[in-house]
Amino acid sequence: MKLLGRKSDDAGDPGDSVPAEDASNDDATTGAGAPRAGTAPKGRPTPKRNEAARRRGPVAPAPMTTAEARKRRKEMRAQRPKLSRQERKVQRAERRAEMNERRERMMAGEDAYLLPRDRGPVRAYVRDIVDSRRNLLGLFMPAALAMIFIMLAVPSVQVQAAVSPAMLILVLIMVIDGFFLGRKVNRMADQKFPNNTETGWKLGFYAASRASQLRRMRAPRPRVERGSTVA
């Protein structure tokens, strides 16, 4: 109890004082067990991120002008190891041989070397169906080129008036042939591959586009002869 007449700053009350030992124990407990207020320090990046950043290094800004891009290309070429004429010739020959090998495997139909549109057993089956039959679509390109040559060689009104309807009739025949080819391809593909997930439009368009090419220009190279039975 505060007595009348005593000063407020009197430190003689034993109840208000805390022993030094207890205070030190409380501070130690608070520092060891209770978390301090405030934001936790930001963690360091993982070692993998550090290694990737150290491996990449600083990225140069993109060139703003054509002259700056040309200068940067010259600097990059200067940093490359210089090869002799014989070494460059050998390097070009190796690169050409590798490209020829990849093309030959692609033309042979190896799935790993095909374009994404040609990969898979379903697409290979569709190619065999197209290559085994005679398609009117294959006549579209030669007929169109012949008509264009006639129009340029004989620039008369009568010839142009006759060629234009013939071109429309040719396009109509090609569309009808492509429609029936697409239906046939989808029916046979569904029977051969019941779990096929490709839509009928994609397979039909793929078959029609291959049938419109000349046989010797088709890639991959046809595996079956005309008139063969594809089961």
C-alpha atoms as a PDB file:
ATOM      1  CA  MET A   1       0.000   0.000   0.000  1.00  0.00           C
ATOM      2  CA  LYS A   2       1.218   3.435  -0.858  1.00  0.00           C
ATOM      3  CA  LEU A   3       1.444   5.565   2.278  1.00  0.00           C
ATOM      4  CA  LEU A   4       0.486   9.178   2.400  1.00  0.00           C
ATOM      5  CA  GLY A   5       3.446  11.490   2.100  1.00  0.00           C
ATOM      6  CA  ARG A   6       5.810   8.980   0.523  1.00  0.00           C
ATOM      7  CA  LYS A   7       7.427   9.839  -2.749  1.00  0.00           C
ATOM      8  CA  SER A   8       6.195   8.055  -5.832  1.00  0.00           C
ATOM      9  CA  ASP A   9       9.731   7.260  -6.990  1.00  0.00           C
ATOM     10  CA  ASP A  10      10.599   5.461  -3.750  1.00  0.00           C
ATOM     11  CA  ALA A  11      12.069   2.045  -4.626  1.00  0.00           C
ATOM     12  CA  GLY A  12      11.846   0.617  -1.120  1.00  0.00           C
ATOM     13  CA  ASP A  13       8.751  -1.541  -1.665  1.00  0.00           C
ATOM     14  CA  PRO A  14       9.977  -5.144  -1.792  1.00  0.00           C
ATOM     15  CA  GLY A  15       6.834  -6.374  -3.589  1.00  0.00           C
ATOM     16  CA  ASP A  16       7.503  -4.284  -6.658  1.00  0.00           C
ATOM     17  CA  SER A  17      11.114  -5.380  -7.113  1.00  0.00           C
ATOM     18  CA  VAL A  18      12.197  -8.540  -8.896  1.00  0.00           C
ATOM     19  CA  PRO A  19      15.417 -10.320  -7.984  1.00  0.00           C
ATOM     20  CA  ALA A  20      18.194 -10.145 -10.520  1.00  0.00           C
ATOM     21  CA  GLU A  21      18.480 -13.915 -10.676  1.00  0.00           C
ATOM     22  CA  ASP A  22      14.774 -14.365 -11.465  1.00  0.00           C
ATOM     23  CA  ALA A  23      14.942 -11.655 -14.107  1.00  0.00           C
ATOM     24  CA  SER A  24      17.889 -13.304 -15.792  1.00  0.00           C
ATOM     25  CA  ASN A  25      16.085 -16.661 -15.720  1.00  0.00           C
ATOM     26  CA  ASP A  26      12.985 -15.130 -17.288  1.00  0.00           C
ATOM     27  CA  ASP A  27      15.070 -13.486 -20.019  1.00  0.00           C
ATOM     28  CA  ALA A  28      16.807 -16.762 -20.782  1.00  0.00           C
ATOM     29  CA  THR A  29      13.518 -18.631 -20.939  1.00  0.00           C
ATOM     30  CA  THR A  30      11.976 -16.008 -23.186  1.00  0.00           C
ATOM     31  CA  GLY A  31      14.928 -16.023 -25.541  1.00  0.00           C
ATOM     32  CA  ALA A  32      15.108 -19.798 -25.702  1.00  0.00           C
ATOM     33  CA  GLY A  33      11.480 -20.872 -25.848  1.00  0.00           C
ATOM     34  CA  ALA A  34       9.214 -18.027 -27.007  1.00  0.00           C
ATOM     35  CA  PRO A  35       9.687 -16.652 -30.527  1.00  0.00           C
ATOM     36  CA  ARG A  36      10.581 -13.027 -30.919  1.00  0.00           C
ATOM     37  CA  ALA A  37       8.189 -10.654 -32.597  1.00  0.00           C
ATOM     38  CA  GLY A  38       8.949  -9.505 -36.110  1.00  0.00           C
ATOM     39  CA  THR A  39       9.500 -10.952 -39.596  1.00  0.00           C
ATOM     40  CA  ALA A  40      11.609 -14.065 -39.909  1.00  0.00           C
ATOM     41  CA  PRO A  41      14.797 -13.657 -41.949  1.00  0.00           C
ATOM     42  CA  LYS A  42      14.539 -14.579 -45.650  1.00  0.00           C
ATOM     43  CA  GLY A  43      15.915 -18.007 -46.467  1.00  0.00           C
ATOM     44  CA  ARG A  44      18.854 -18.467 -48.785  1.00  0.00           C
ATOM     45  CA  PRO A  45      18.328 -19.913 -52.291  1.00  0.00           C
ATOM     46  CA  THR A  46      18.753 -23.627 -52.678  1.00  0.00           C
ATOM     47  CA  PRO A  47      22.110 -24.951 -53.861  1.00  0.00           C
ATOM     48  CA  LYS A  48      20.603 -26.056 -57.166  1.00  0.00           C
ATOM     49  CA  ARG A  49      19.408 -22.550 -57.917  1.00  0.00           C
ATOM     50  CA  ASN A  50      22.807 -21.157 -56.983  1.00  0.00           C
ATOM     51  CA  GLU A  51      24.544 -23.644 -59.249  1.00  0.00           C
ATOM     52  CA  ALA A  52      22.195 -22.886 -62.148  1.00  0.00           C
ATOM     53  CA  ALA A  53      22.700 -19.134 -61.769  1.00  0.00           C
ATOM     54  CA  ARG A  54      26.456 -19.577 -61.559  1.00  0.00           C
ATOM     55  CA  ARG A  55      26.422 -21.813 -64.635  1.00  0.00           C
ATOM     56  CA  ARG A  56      24.307 -19.462 -66.754  1.00  0.00           C
ATOM     57  CA  GLY A  57      25.980 -16.262 -65.707  1.00  0.00           C
ATOM     58  CA  PRO A  58      24.676 -12.791 -66.490  1.00  0.00           C
ATOM     59  CA  VAL A  59      22.393 -12.528 -69.519  1.00  0.00           C
ATOM     60  CA  ALA A  60      23.285  -9.781 -71.986  1.00  0.00           C
ATOM     61  CA  PRO A  61      20.472  -7.451 -73.040  1.00  0.00           C
ATOM     62  CA  ALA A  62      18.947  -7.966 -76.476  1.00  0.00           C
ATOM     63  CA  PRO A  63      20.457  -5.894 -79.292  1.00  0.00           C
ATOM     64  CA  MET A  64      18.473  -2.777 -80.144  1.00  0.00           C
ATOM     65  CA  THR A  65      19.713  -2.224 -83.704  1.00  0.00           C
ATOM     66  CA  THR A  66      20.840  -4.354 -86.634  1.00  0.00           C
ATOM     67  CA  ALA A  67      24.377  -3.012 -86.374  1.00  0.00           C
ATOM     68  CA  GLU A  68      24.571  -4.024 -82.735  1.00  0.00           C
ATOM     69  CA  ALA A  69      23.315  -7.522 -83.563  1.00  0.00           C
ATOM     70  CA  ARG A  70      25.903  -7.832 -86.355  1.00  0.00           C
ATOM     71  CA  LYS A  71      28.662  -6.706 -84.011  1.00  0.00           C
ATOM     72  CA  ARG A  72      27.592  -9.233 -81.392  1.00  0.00           C
ATOM     73  CA  ARG A  73      27.604 -12.047 -83.971  1.00  0.00           C
ATOM     74  CA  LYS A  74      31.141 -11.096 -84.997  1.00  0.00           C
ATOM     75  CA  GLU A  75      32.251 -11.166 -81.363  1.00  0.00           C
ATOM     76  CA  MET A  76      30.697 -14.587 -80.852  1.00  0.00           C
ATOM     77  CA  ARG A  77      32.393 -15.918 -83.974  1.00  0.00           C
ATOM     78  CA  ALA A  78      35.707 -14.528 -82.749  1.00  0.00           C
ATOM     79  CA  GLN A  79      35.317 -16.426 -79.463  1.00  0.00           C
ATOM     80  CA  ARG A  80      34.856 -19.757 -81.221  1.00  0.00           C
ATOM     81  CA  PRO A  81      37.921 -21.898 -81.816  1.00  0.00           C
ATOM     82  CA  LYS A  82      39.305 -21.340 -85.288  1.00  0.00           C
ATOM     83  CA  LEU A  83      39.363 -24.391 -87.531  1.00  0.00           C
ATOM     84  CA  SER A  84      41.507 -25.042 -90.521  1.00  0.00           C
ATOM     85  CA  ARG A  85      40.053 -25.477 -93.987  1.00  0.00           C
ATOM     86  CA  GLN A  86      40.415 -29.259 -93.783  1.00  0.00           C
ATOM     87  CA  GLU A  87      38.738 -29.400 -90.382  1.00  0.00           C
ATOM     88  CA  ARG A  88      35.805 -27.293 -91.624  1.00  0.00           C
ATOM     89  CA  LYS A  89      35.482 -29.568 -94.644  1.00  0.00           C
ATOM     90  CA  VAL A  90      35.395 -32.645 -92.426  1.00  0.00           C
ATOM     91  CA  GLN A  91      32.852 -30.992 -90.132  1.00  0.00           C
ATOM     92  CA  ARG A  92      30.555 -30.128 -93.057  1.00  0.00           C
ATOM     93  CA  ALA A  93      30.843 -33.662 -94.408  1.00  0.00           C
ATOM     94  CA  GLU A  94      29.922 -35.152 -91.036  1.00  0.00           C
ATOM     95  CA  ARG A  95      26.964 -32.799 -90.670  1.00  0.00           C
ATOM     96  CA  ARG A  96      25.769 -33.602 -94.204  1.00  0.00           C
ATOM     97  CA  ALA A  97      26.079 -37.337 -93.563  1.00  0.00           C
ATOM     98  CA  GLU A  98      24.104 -37.013 -90.331  1.00  0.00           C
ATOM     99  CA  MET A  99      21.344 -35.072 -92.082  1.00  0.00           C
ATOM    100  CA  ASN A 100      21.180 -37.637 -94.882  1.00  0.00           C
ATOM    101  CA  GLU A 101      20.934 -40.459 -92.377  1.00  0.00           C
ATOM    102  CA  ARG A 102      18.117 -38.731 -90.508  1.00  0.00           C
ATOM    103  CA  ARG A 103      16.248 -38.072 -93.753  1.00  0.00           C
ATOM    104  CA  GLU A 104      16.661 -41.658 -94.904  1.00  0.00           C
ATOM    105  CA  ARG A 105      15.287 -42.958 -91.613  1.00  0.00           C
ATOM    106  CA  MET A 106      12.409 -40.514 -91.820  1.00  0.00           C
ATOM    107  CA  MET A 107      11.603 -41.625 -95.370  1.00  0.00           C
ATOM    108  CA  ALA A 108      11.760 -45.249 -94.214  1.00  0.00           C
ATOM    109  CA  GLY A 109       9.053 -44.512 -91.637  1.00  0.00           C
ATOM    110  CA  GLU A 110      10.993 -44.853 -88.362  1.00  0.00           C
ATOM    111  CA  ASP A 111       8.743 -43.306 -85.747  1.00  0.00           C
ATOM    112  CA  ALA A 112      11.528 -41.501 -83.850  1.00  0.00           C
ATOM    113  CA  TYR A 113      12.517 -39.487 -86.946  1.00  0.00           C
ATOM    114  CA  LEU A 114       9.036 -38.609 -88.233  1.00  0.00           C
ATOM    115  CA  LEU A 115       7.286 -35.292 -87.872  1.00  0.00           C
ATOM    116  CA  PRO A 116       4.714 -35.136 -85.042  1.00  0.00           C
ATOM    117  CA  ARG A 117       1.830 -35.274 -87.560  1.00  0.00           C
ATOM    118  CA  ASP A 118       3.126 -38.608 -88.977  1.00  0.00           C
ATOM    119  CA  ARG A 119       3.868 -40.449 -85.740  1.00  0.00           C
ATOM    120  CA  GLY A 120       1.895 -43.323 -84.330  1.00  0.00           C
ATOM    121  CA  PRO A 121       0.524 -46.642 -85.624  1.00  0.00           C
ATOM    122  CA  VAL A 122      -2.803 -45.059 -86.620  1.00  0.00           C
ATOM    123  CA  ARG A 123      -1.159 -42.561 -88.979  1.00  0.00           C
ATOM    124  CA  ALA A 124       1.035 -45.335 -90.438  1.00  0.00           C
ATOM    125  CA  TYR A 125      -2.074 -47.417 -91.086  1.00  0.00           C
ATOM    126  CA  VAL A 126      -3.792 -44.467 -92.786  1.00  0.00           C
ATOM    127  CA  ARG A 127      -0.747 -43.967 -95.035  1.00  0.00           C
ATOM    128  CA  ASP A 128      -0.858 -47.622 -96.052  1.00  0.00           C
ATOM    129  CA  ILE A 129      -4.561 -47.318 -96.965  1.00  0.00           C
ATOM    130  CA  VAL A 130      -3.918 -44.253 -99.112  1.00  0.00           C
ATOM    131  CA  ASP A 131      -0.847 -45.744-100.794  1.00  0.00           C
ATOM    132  CA  SER A 132      -2.642 -48.991-101.642  1.00  0.00           C
ATOM    133  CA  ARG A 133      -5.356 -47.369-103.805  1.00  0.00           C
ATOM    134  CA  ARG A 134      -5.489 -45.170-106.881  1.00  0.00           C
ATOM    135  CA  ASN A 135      -6.751 -41.756-105.841  1.00  0.00           C
ATOM    136  CA  LEU A 136      -8.312 -39.119-108.028  1.00  0.00           C
ATOM    137  CA  LEU A 137      -6.811 -36.579-105.656  1.00  0.00           C
ATOM    138  CA  GLY A 138      -3.394 -37.459-107.041  1.00  0.00           C
ATOM    139  CA  LEU A 139      -4.430 -36.021-110.412  1.00  0.00           C
ATOM    140  CA  PHE A 140      -5.314 -32.634-108.992  1.00  0.00           C
ATOM    141  CA  MET A 141      -1.832 -31.110-109.084  1.00  0.00           C
ATOM    142  CA  PRO A 142      -0.893 -32.249-112.627  1.00  0.00           C
ATOM    143  CA  ALA A 143      -4.320 -31.258-113.987  1.00  0.00           C
ATOM    144  CA  ALA A 144      -4.209 -27.848-112.320  1.00  0.00           C
ATOM    145  CA  LEU A 145      -0.704 -27.169-113.658  1.00  0.00           C
ATOM    146  CA  ALA A 146      -1.773 -28.230-117.149  1.00  0.00           C
ATOM    147  CA  MET A 147      -4.775 -25.897-117.094  1.00  0.00           C
ATOM    148  CA  ILE A 148      -2.697 -22.977-115.876  1.00  0.00           C
ATOM    149  CA  PHE A 149      -0.129 -23.624-118.621  1.00  0.00           C
ATOM    150  CA  ILE A 150      -2.898 -23.676-121.261  1.00  0.00           C
ATOM    151  CA  MET A 151      -4.308 -20.385-119.977  1.00  0.00           C
ATOM    152  CA  LEU A 152      -0.874 -18.751-120.154  1.00  0.00           C
ATOM    153  CA  ALA A 153       0.082 -20.262-123.507  1.00  0.00           C
ATOM    154  CA  VAL A 154      -3.201 -19.450-125.250  1.00  0.00           C
ATOM    155  CA  PRO A 155      -4.457 -16.153-123.782  1.00  0.00           C
ATOM    156  CA  SER A 156      -7.755 -16.086-125.584  1.00  0.00           C
ATOM    157  CA  VAL A 157     -11.183 -15.420-124.171  1.00  0.00           C
ATOM    158  CA  GLN A 158     -12.623 -18.687-125.504  1.00  0.00           C
ATOM    159  CA  VAL A 159      -9.879 -20.796-123.854  1.00  0.00           C
ATOM    160  CA  GLN A 160     -10.196 -19.009-120.521  1.00  0.00           C
ATOM    161  CA  ALA A 161     -13.978 -19.372-120.662  1.00  0.00           C
ATOM    162  CA  ALA A 162     -13.548 -23.136-121.140  1.00  0.00           C
ATOM    163  CA  VAL A 163     -10.786 -23.627-118.573  1.00  0.00           C
ATOM    164  CA  SER A 164     -12.536 -21.872-115.688  1.00  0.00           C
ATOM    165  CA  PRO A 165     -15.558 -24.253-115.555  1.00  0.00           C
ATOM    166  CA  ALA A 166     -13.202 -27.207-116.024  1.00  0.00           C
ATOM    167  CA  MET A 167     -11.214 -26.066-113.004  1.00  0.00           C
ATOM    168  CA  LEU A 168     -14.389 -25.842-110.895  1.00  0.00           C
ATOM    169  CA  ILE A 169     -15.464 -29.317-111.984  1.00  0.00           C
ATOM    170  CA  LEU A 170     -12.011 -30.671-111.120  1.00  0.00           C
ATOM    171  CA  VAL A 171     -12.142 -29.127-107.638  1.00  0.00           C
ATOM    172  CA  LEU A 172     -15.609 -30.606-107.078  1.00  0.00           C
ATOM    173  CA  ILE A 173     -14.413 -34.076-108.099  1.00  0.00           C
ATOM    174  CA  MET A 174     -11.443 -33.791-105.750  1.00  0.00           C
ATOM    175  CA  VAL A 175     -13.689 -32.783-102.836  1.00  0.00           C
ATOM    176  CA  ILE A 176     -16.012 -35.735-103.429  1.00  0.00           C
ATOM    177  CA  ASP A 177     -13.090 -38.176-103.680  1.00  0.00           C
ATOM    178  CA  GLY A 178     -11.549 -36.759-100.501  1.00  0.00           C
ATOM    179  CA  PHE A 179     -14.867 -37.140 -98.666  1.00  0.00           C
ATOM    180  CA  PHE A 180     -15.241 -40.821 -99.540  1.00  0.00           C
ATOM    181  CA  LEU A 181     -11.563 -41.464 -98.811  1.00  0.00           C
ATOM    182  CA  GLY A 182     -11.917 -39.883 -95.366  1.00  0.00           C
ATOM    183  CA  ARG A 183     -14.961 -42.043 -94.568  1.00  0.00           C
ATOM    184  CA  LYS A 184     -13.141 -45.197 -95.631  1.00  0.00           C
ATOM    185  CA  VAL A 185     -10.036 -44.335 -93.632  1.00  0.00           C
ATOM    186  CA  ASN A 186     -12.006 -43.604 -90.462  1.00  0.00           C
ATOM    187  CA  ARG A 187     -14.056 -46.798 -90.746  1.00  0.00           C
ATOM    188  CA  MET A 188     -11.001 -49.019 -91.225  1.00  0.00           C
ATOM    189  CA  ALA A 189      -9.010 -47.213 -88.513  1.00  0.00           C
ATOM    190  CA  ASP A 190     -11.830 -47.670 -85.990  1.00  0.00           C
ATOM    191  CA  GLN A 191     -11.966 -51.380 -86.790  1.00  0.00           C
ATOM    192  CA  LYS A 192      -8.182 -51.796 -86.550  1.00  0.00           C
ATOM    193  CA  PHE A 193      -7.715 -49.578 -83.472  1.00  0.00           C
ATOM    194  CA  PRO A 194     -10.868 -49.599 -81.281  1.00  0.00           C
ATOM    195  CA  ASN A 195      -9.173 -47.319 -78.713  1.00  0.00           C
ATOM    196  CA  ASN A 196      -8.306 -44.671 -81.275  1.00  0.00           C
ATOM    197  CA  THR A 197      -8.801 -41.163 -79.851  1.00  0.00           C
ATOM    198  CA  GLU A 198      -8.168 -39.145 -83.025  1.00  0.00           C
ATOM    199  CA  THR A 199     -11.164 -37.407 -84.513  1.00  0.00           C
ATOM    200  CA  GLY A 200     -12.511 -38.337 -87.915  1.00  0.00           C
ATOM    201  CA  TRP A 201     -11.846 -34.902 -89.366  1.00  0.00           C
ATOM    202  CA  LYS A 202      -8.119 -35.060 -88.577  1.00  0.00           C
ATOM    203  CA  LEU A 203      -7.637 -38.510 -90.074  1.00  0.00           C
ATOM    204  CA  GLY A 204      -9.717 -37.646 -93.129  1.00  0.00           C
ATOM    205  CA  PHE A 205      -7.786 -34.453 -93.791  1.00  0.00           C
ATOM    206  CA  TYR A 206      -4.480 -36.285 -93.257  1.00  0.00           C
ATOM    207  CA  ALA A 207      -5.468 -38.977 -95.762  1.00  0.00           C
ATOM    208  CA  ALA A 208      -6.696 -36.439 -98.333  1.00  0.00           C
ATOM    209  CA  SER A 209      -3.552 -34.326 -98.081  1.00  0.00           C
ATOM    210  CA  ARG A 210      -1.361 -37.391 -98.627  1.00  0.00           C
ATOM    211  CA  ALA A 211      -3.496 -38.632-101.518  1.00  0.00           C
ATOM    212  CA  SER A 212      -3.229 -35.242-103.260  1.00  0.00           C
ATOM    213  CA  GLN A 213       0.569 -35.596-103.487  1.00  0.00           C
ATOM    214  CA  LEU A 214       2.355 -37.463-106.236  1.00  0.00           C
ATOM    215  CA  ARG A 215       3.389 -40.918-105.117  1.00  0.00           C
ATOM    216  CA  ARG A 216       7.109 -40.318-105.549  1.00  0.00           C
ATOM    217  CA  MET A 217       6.885 -37.096-103.531  1.00  0.00           C
ATOM    218  CA  ARG A 218       5.173 -38.595-100.479  1.00  0.00           C
ATOM    219  CA  ALA A 219       7.036 -38.600 -97.174  1.00  0.00           C
ATOM    220  CA  PRO A 220       7.460 -41.059 -95.567  1.00  0.00           C
ATOM    221  CA  ARG A 221       8.015 -43.308 -98.562  1.00  0.00           C
ATOM    222  CA  PRO A 222       5.070 -45.659 -99.370  1.00  0.00           C
ATOM    223  CA  ARG A 223       5.487 -49.111 -97.862  1.00  0.00           C
ATOM    224  CA  VAL A 224       2.821 -50.893 -99.943  1.00  0.00           C
ATOM    225  CA  GLU A 225       2.227 -51.189-103.663  1.00  0.00           C
ATOM    226  CA  ARG A 226      -0.890 -50.056-105.486  1.00  0.00           C
ATOM    227  CA  GLY A 227      -3.597 -52.688-105.358  1.00  0.00           C
ATOM    228  CA  SER A 228      -2.257 -54.291-102.188  1.00  0.00           C
ATOM    229  CA  THR A 229      -4.674 -55.419 -99.495  1.00  0.00           C
ATOM    230  CA  VAL A 230      -4.320 -53.541 -96.216  1.00  0.00           C
ATOM    231  CA  ALA A 231      -5.906 -55.360 -93.295  1.00  0.00           C
END
